[in-house]
Amino acid sequence: MTDRMRNWLGRGGIALGALIVGAAAGWIGRGLGQGENVFHMSMYQDWRLACPSDADPKGSCQLATELVDNRSGLQLAQLSLERDQGKRMLVIKVPLTVLIPPGVGLQFGDDTKTFAYSTCSPLGCFAFAPLDDKLLASFASAKSVAVVVTVSQNGKSATLPLSLRGYADAIRALDNTEAKRHSWWRRLWT
């Protein structure tokens, strides 16, 4: 073996050793940084995408938009797309001042789908519905979306328009983020 070959093998061994030590240090130190335990939130015009930390494997992201009264600053309606026990759900939240029996309507252009309220709490009244492909397609193709409620004070319907600005980008980001969060490759490395 020549000196040149010994020199080349020595340098290769040092480089390989440094690579192994660096990989081991990165593997050990991966949980020490803040990135893994940070709540993530992104805005897509009028839609907000909020995801739990990467350290929470059972958590899921929520995509939401809300309608706030400009004068009072009170939230009039909130619509969110979430996961509950692995199934996608549509959640509609409205104030306590609604009449319960008629339910809450979700209006896509001229078509209105009505959902029964599931519960009311001090935060408001909630309607939950499975978010299937047909409902997602209604969002994607709609020119306008509104929440329709019956006001308990006078029994009249009120139409609360929700914004679709940023929805297409937000739903794409939700799908991509959820796919990454639940991929086997990511679970292997976290």
C-alpha atoms as a PDB file:
ATOM      1  CA  MET A   1       0.000   0.000   0.000  1.00  0.00           C
ATOM      2  CA  THR A   2       1.455   3.336  -1.014  1.00  0.00           C
ATOM      3  CA  ASP A   3       1.560   6.485   1.090  1.00  0.00           C
ATOM      4  CA  ARG A   4      -0.869   8.139  -1.259  1.00  0.00           C
ATOM      5  CA  MET A   5      -3.418   5.337  -0.791  1.00  0.00           C
ATOM      6  CA  ARG A   6      -2.987   5.410   3.025  1.00  0.00           C
ATOM      7  CA  ASN A   7      -3.498   9.192   2.966  1.00  0.00           C
ATOM      8  CA  TRP A   8      -6.665   8.804   0.842  1.00  0.00           C
ATOM      9  CA  LEU A   9      -8.063   6.042   3.094  1.00  0.00           C
ATOM     10  CA  GLY A  10      -7.249   8.087   6.222  1.00  0.00           C
ATOM     11  CA  ARG A  11      -9.055  11.155   4.916  1.00  0.00           C
ATOM     12  CA  GLY A  12     -12.012   9.018   3.799  1.00  0.00           C
ATOM     13  CA  GLY A  13     -12.184   7.417   7.262  1.00  0.00           C
ATOM     14  CA  ILE A  14     -12.127  10.826   8.960  1.00  0.00           C
ATOM     15  CA  ALA A  15     -14.860  12.118   6.650  1.00  0.00           C
ATOM     16  CA  LEU A  16     -16.992   9.017   7.260  1.00  0.00           C
ATOM     17  CA  GLY A  17     -16.475   9.295  11.026  1.00  0.00           C
ATOM     18  CA  ALA A  18     -17.453  12.992  10.976  1.00  0.00           C
ATOM     19  CA  LEU A  19     -20.574  12.143   8.983  1.00  0.00           C
ATOM     20  CA  ILE A  20     -21.585   9.426  11.463  1.00  0.00           C
ATOM     21  CA  VAL A  21     -20.923  11.665  14.493  1.00  0.00           C
ATOM     22  CA  GLY A  22     -22.877  14.546  12.879  1.00  0.00           C
ATOM     23  CA  ALA A  23     -25.824  12.308  12.014  1.00  0.00           C
ATOM     24  CA  ALA A  24     -25.881  10.876  15.543  1.00  0.00           C
ATOM     25  CA  ALA A  25     -25.717  14.360  17.081  1.00  0.00           C
ATOM     26  CA  GLY A  26     -28.546  15.533  14.833  1.00  0.00           C
ATOM     27  CA  TRP A  27     -30.653  12.475  15.673  1.00  0.00           C
ATOM     28  CA  ILE A  28     -30.108  12.938  19.425  1.00  0.00           C
ATOM     29  CA  GLY A  29     -30.596  16.695  19.340  1.00  0.00           C
ATOM     30  CA  ARG A  30     -33.690  16.727  17.103  1.00  0.00           C
ATOM     31  CA  GLY A  31     -36.070  17.049  20.053  1.00  0.00           C
ATOM     32  CA  LEU A  32     -34.056  19.742  21.821  1.00  0.00           C
ATOM     33  CA  GLY A  33     -35.005  22.551  19.441  1.00  0.00           C
ATOM     34  CA  GLN A  34     -38.191  24.591  19.541  1.00  0.00           C
ATOM     35  CA  GLY A  35     -39.411  23.598  16.069  1.00  0.00           C
ATOM     36  CA  GLU A  36     -41.001  20.344  17.157  1.00  0.00           C
ATOM     37  CA  ASN A  37     -43.140  21.790  19.971  1.00  0.00           C
ATOM     38  CA  VAL A  38     -44.415  24.879  18.210  1.00  0.00           C
ATOM     39  CA  PHE A  39     -48.032  25.513  17.248  1.00  0.00           C
ATOM     40  CA  HIS A  40     -48.223  26.516  13.556  1.00  0.00           C
ATOM     41  CA  MET A  41     -50.610  29.106  12.144  1.00  0.00           C
ATOM     42  CA  SER A  42     -50.813  30.493   8.607  1.00  0.00           C
ATOM     43  CA  MET A  43     -53.160  33.011   7.031  1.00  0.00           C
ATOM     44  CA  TYR A  44     -54.563  32.656   3.524  1.00  0.00           C
ATOM     45  CA  GLN A  45     -56.351  35.965   3.072  1.00  0.00           C
ATOM     46  CA  ASP A  46     -59.591  35.443   5.051  1.00  0.00           C
ATOM     47  CA  TRP A  47     -58.874  31.841   6.064  1.00  0.00           C
ATOM     48  CA  ARG A  48     -56.676  30.713   8.967  1.00  0.00           C
ATOM     49  CA  LEU A  49     -54.873  27.359   9.072  1.00  0.00           C
ATOM     50  CA  ALA A  50     -53.889  26.330  12.606  1.00  0.00           C
ATOM     51  CA  CYS A  51     -51.972  23.130  13.306  1.00  0.00           C
ATOM     52  CA  PRO A  52     -50.774  21.599  16.574  1.00  0.00           C
ATOM     53  CA  SER A  53     -47.105  21.005  17.212  1.00  0.00           C
ATOM     54  CA  ASP A  54     -45.368  18.251  15.310  1.00  0.00           C
ATOM     55  CA  ALA A  55     -44.866  16.470  18.653  1.00  0.00           C
ATOM     56  CA  ASP A  56     -48.647  15.888  18.883  1.00  0.00           C
ATOM     57  CA  PRO A  57     -49.230  12.936  16.524  1.00  0.00           C
ATOM     58  CA  LYS A  58     -52.953  12.686  17.292  1.00  0.00           C
ATOM     59  CA  GLY A  59     -53.619  16.395  16.757  1.00  0.00           C
ATOM     60  CA  SER A  60     -54.997  17.700  13.511  1.00  0.00           C
ATOM     61  CA  CYS A  61     -55.139  21.001  11.722  1.00  0.00           C
ATOM     62  CA  GLN A  62     -58.123  23.321  11.645  1.00  0.00           C
ATOM     63  CA  LEU A  63     -59.049  25.566   8.736  1.00  0.00           C
ATOM     64  CA  ALA A  64     -61.379  28.403   9.737  1.00  0.00           C
ATOM     65  CA  THR A  65     -62.928  31.669   8.644  1.00  0.00           C
ATOM     66  CA  GLU A  66     -65.131  33.984  10.634  1.00  0.00           C
ATOM     67  CA  LEU A  67     -67.502  36.852  10.223  1.00  0.00           C
ATOM     68  CA  VAL A  68     -67.037  39.675  12.716  1.00  0.00           C
ATOM     69  CA  ASP A  69     -69.395  42.622  13.127  1.00  0.00           C
ATOM     70  CA  ASN A  70     -67.357  45.734  12.275  1.00  0.00           C
ATOM     71  CA  ARG A  71     -69.250  47.970  14.713  1.00  0.00           C
ATOM     72  CA  SER A  72     -69.296  45.792  17.820  1.00  0.00           C
ATOM     73  CA  GLY A  73     -66.305  43.553  17.104  1.00  0.00           C
ATOM     74  CA  LEU A  74     -68.406  40.503  18.012  1.00  0.00           C
ATOM     75  CA  GLN A  75     -68.063  37.262  16.094  1.00  0.00           C
ATOM     76  CA  LEU A  76     -71.289  36.555  14.193  1.00  0.00           C
ATOM     77  CA  ALA A  77     -70.326  33.212  12.683  1.00  0.00           C
ATOM     78  CA  GLN A  78     -67.367  30.890  12.365  1.00  0.00           C
ATOM     79  CA  LEU A  79     -66.969  28.067   9.912  1.00  0.00           C
ATOM     80  CA  SER A  80     -64.187  25.538  10.342  1.00  0.00           C
ATOM     81  CA  LEU A  81     -63.003  22.343   8.700  1.00  0.00           C
ATOM     82  CA  GLU A  82     -61.534  19.930  11.239  1.00  0.00           C
ATOM     83  CA  ARG A  83     -60.820  16.260  11.913  1.00  0.00           C
ATOM     84  CA  ASP A  84     -62.586  14.352  14.645  1.00  0.00           C
ATOM     85  CA  GLN A  85     -61.400  10.792  15.235  1.00  0.00           C
ATOM     86  CA  GLY A  86     -59.849  10.752  11.779  1.00  0.00           C
ATOM     87  CA  LYS A  87     -62.975  11.956   9.963  1.00  0.00           C
ATOM     88  CA  ARG A  88     -63.292  15.400   8.407  1.00  0.00           C
ATOM     89  CA  MET A  89     -65.980  17.547   9.973  1.00  0.00           C
ATOM     90  CA  LEU A  90     -67.599  20.863   9.150  1.00  0.00           C
ATOM     91  CA  VAL A  91     -68.211  22.942  12.273  1.00  0.00           C
ATOM     92  CA  ILE A  92     -70.475  25.992  12.196  1.00  0.00           C
ATOM     93  CA  LYS A  93     -70.546  28.237  15.256  1.00  0.00           C
ATOM     94  CA  VAL A  94     -73.064  31.055  15.710  1.00  0.00           C
ATOM     95  CA  PRO A  95     -74.050  33.245  18.699  1.00  0.00           C
ATOM     96  CA  LEU A  96     -76.554  32.127  21.323  1.00  0.00           C
ATOM     97  CA  THR A  97     -79.197  34.516  19.935  1.00  0.00           C
ATOM     98  CA  VAL A  98     -80.420  32.003  17.323  1.00  0.00           C
ATOM     99  CA  LEU A  99     -83.629  30.011  17.252  1.00  0.00           C
ATOM    100  CA  ILE A 100     -82.649  26.349  17.684  1.00  0.00           C
ATOM    101  CA  PRO A 101     -85.396  24.270  15.915  1.00  0.00           C
ATOM    102  CA  PRO A 102     -84.819  25.558  12.347  1.00  0.00           C
ATOM    103  CA  GLY A 103     -81.108  24.684  12.522  1.00  0.00           C
ATOM    104  CA  VAL A 104     -78.393  26.552  10.674  1.00  0.00           C
ATOM    105  CA  GLY A 105     -78.147  26.824   6.922  1.00  0.00           C
ATOM    106  CA  LEU A 106     -75.055  26.946   4.770  1.00  0.00           C
ATOM    107  CA  GLN A 107     -75.846  28.706   1.527  1.00  0.00           C
ATOM    108  CA  PHE A 108     -73.727  28.105  -1.587  1.00  0.00           C
ATOM    109  CA  GLY A 109     -75.013  30.596  -4.146  1.00  0.00           C
ATOM    110  CA  ASP A 110     -78.716  29.727  -4.406  1.00  0.00           C
ATOM    111  CA  ASP A 111     -78.445  26.255  -2.822  1.00  0.00           C
ATOM    112  CA  THR A 112     -78.881  25.972   0.982  1.00  0.00           C
ATOM    113  CA  LYS A 113     -77.980  22.932   3.069  1.00  0.00           C
ATOM    114  CA  THR A 114     -79.464  22.867   6.585  1.00  0.00           C
ATOM    115  CA  PHE A 115     -77.820  21.288   9.632  1.00  0.00           C
ATOM    116  CA  ALA A 116     -79.259  20.709  13.091  1.00  0.00           C
ATOM    117  CA  TYR A 117     -77.514  22.283  16.056  1.00  0.00           C
ATOM    118  CA  SER A 118     -75.647  19.691  18.105  1.00  0.00           C
ATOM    119  CA  THR A 119     -74.953  21.735  21.203  1.00  0.00           C
ATOM    120  CA  CYS A 120     -74.913  25.209  22.683  1.00  0.00           C
ATOM    121  CA  SER A 121     -72.430  26.465  25.250  1.00  0.00           C
ATOM    122  CA  PRO A 122     -71.457  29.901  26.541  1.00  0.00           C
ATOM    123  CA  LEU A 123     -69.272  30.169  23.406  1.00  0.00           C
ATOM    124  CA  GLY A 124     -72.235  29.811  21.030  1.00  0.00           C
ATOM    125  CA  CYS A 125     -74.341  27.195  19.250  1.00  0.00           C
ATOM    126  CA  PHE A 126     -72.583  24.543  17.181  1.00  0.00           C
ATOM    127  CA  ALA A 127     -73.620  22.410  14.228  1.00  0.00           C
ATOM    128  CA  PHE A 128     -71.399  19.514  13.143  1.00  0.00           C
ATOM    129  CA  ALA A 129     -71.618  17.758   9.793  1.00  0.00           C
ATOM    130  CA  PRO A 130     -69.454  15.180   8.024  1.00  0.00           C
ATOM    131  CA  LEU A 131     -67.311  16.904   5.440  1.00  0.00           C
ATOM    132  CA  ASP A 132     -67.679  14.679   2.401  1.00  0.00           C
ATOM    133  CA  ASP A 133     -66.441  15.188  -1.151  1.00  0.00           C
ATOM    134  CA  LYS A 134     -69.787  16.664  -2.241  1.00  0.00           C
ATOM    135  CA  LEU A 135     -69.662  19.366   0.449  1.00  0.00           C
ATOM    136  CA  LEU A 136     -66.017  20.128  -0.359  1.00  0.00           C
ATOM    137  CA  ALA A 137     -66.960  20.447  -4.035  1.00  0.00           C
ATOM    138  CA  SER A 138     -69.686  22.924  -3.044  1.00  0.00           C
ATOM    139  CA  PHE A 139     -67.040  25.106  -1.400  1.00  0.00           C
ATOM    140  CA  ALA A 140     -64.695  24.826  -4.366  1.00  0.00           C
ATOM    141  CA  SER A 141     -67.316  25.771  -6.950  1.00  0.00           C
ATOM    142  CA  ALA A 142     -69.288  28.390  -4.993  1.00  0.00           C
ATOM    143  CA  LYS A 143     -69.165  32.054  -5.907  1.00  0.00           C
ATOM    144  CA  SER A 144     -70.502  32.944  -2.446  1.00  0.00           C
ATOM    145  CA  VAL A 145     -71.056  31.213   0.888  1.00  0.00           C
ATOM    146  CA  ALA A 146     -73.292  32.398   3.717  1.00  0.00           C
ATOM    147  CA  VAL A 147     -74.495  31.120   7.067  1.00  0.00           C
ATOM    148  CA  VAL A 148     -78.282  31.383   7.425  1.00  0.00           C
ATOM    149  CA  VAL A 149     -79.720  31.559  10.941  1.00  0.00           C
ATOM    150  CA  THR A 150     -83.119  32.325  12.413  1.00  0.00           C
ATOM    151  CA  VAL A 151     -82.850  35.085  15.003  1.00  0.00           C
ATOM    152  CA  SER A 152     -84.654  34.204  18.246  1.00  0.00           C
ATOM    153  CA  GLN A 153     -85.758  37.790  18.975  1.00  0.00           C
ATOM    154  CA  ASN A 154     -87.950  38.219  15.897  1.00  0.00           C
ATOM    155  CA  GLY A 155     -88.032  34.782  14.214  1.00  0.00           C
ATOM    156  CA  LYS A 156     -86.661  36.178  10.939  1.00  0.00           C
ATOM    157  CA  SER A 157     -83.837  34.665   8.940  1.00  0.00           C
ATOM    158  CA  ALA A 158     -80.499  36.407   8.791  1.00  0.00           C
ATOM    159  CA  THR A 159     -77.944  35.672   6.076  1.00  0.00           C
ATOM    160  CA  LEU A 160     -74.341  36.108   7.215  1.00  0.00           C
ATOM    161  CA  PRO A 161     -71.937  36.149   4.238  1.00  0.00           C
ATOM    162  CA  LEU A 162     -68.591  34.421   4.659  1.00  0.00           C
ATOM    163  CA  SER A 163     -65.551  35.174   2.567  1.00  0.00           C
ATOM    164  CA  LEU A 164     -64.050  32.666   0.156  1.00  0.00           C
ATOM    165  CA  ARG A 165     -60.942  34.818  -0.384  1.00  0.00           C
ATOM    166  CA  GLY A 166     -57.962  32.502   0.039  1.00  0.00           C
ATOM    167  CA  TYR A 167     -60.039  29.330   0.416  1.00  0.00           C
ATOM    168  CA  ALA A 168     -58.473  27.485  -2.538  1.00  0.00           C
ATOM    169  CA  ASP A 169     -54.924  28.077  -1.277  1.00  0.00           C
ATOM    170  CA  ALA A 170     -55.952  27.315   2.315  1.00  0.00           C
ATOM    171  CA  ILE A 171     -57.599  23.969   1.543  1.00  0.00           C
ATOM    172  CA  ARG A 172     -54.601  22.955  -0.565  1.00  0.00           C
ATOM    173  CA  ALA A 173     -52.276  23.866   2.341  1.00  0.00           C
ATOM    174  CA  LEU A 174     -54.501  21.939   4.775  1.00  0.00           C
ATOM    175  CA  ASP A 175     -54.396  18.806   2.621  1.00  0.00           C
ATOM    176  CA  ASN A 176     -50.611  19.043   2.148  1.00  0.00           C
ATOM    177  CA  THR A 177     -49.941  19.695   5.841  1.00  0.00           C
ATOM    178  CA  GLU A 178     -52.198  16.870   7.008  1.00  0.00           C
ATOM    179  CA  ALA A 179     -50.577  14.473   4.532  1.00  0.00           C
ATOM    180  CA  LYS A 180     -47.129  15.379   5.861  1.00  0.00           C
ATOM    181  CA  ARG A 181     -48.231  15.197   9.520  1.00  0.00           C
ATOM    182  CA  HIS A 182     -49.628  11.685   9.110  1.00  0.00           C
ATOM    183  CA  SER A 183     -47.064  10.181   6.732  1.00  0.00           C
ATOM    184  CA  TRP A 184     -45.152   7.136   7.916  1.00  0.00           C
ATOM    185  CA  TRP A 185     -41.865   8.736   6.794  1.00  0.00           C
ATOM    186  CA  ARG A 186     -42.380  11.741   9.088  1.00  0.00           C
ATOM    187  CA  ARG A 187     -43.344   9.513  12.034  1.00  0.00           C
ATOM    188  CA  LEU A 188     -40.150   7.558  11.489  1.00  0.00           C
ATOM    189  CA  TRP A 189     -38.031  10.692  11.937  1.00  0.00           C
ATOM    190  CA  THR A 190     -39.919  12.365  14.792  1.00  0.00           C
END
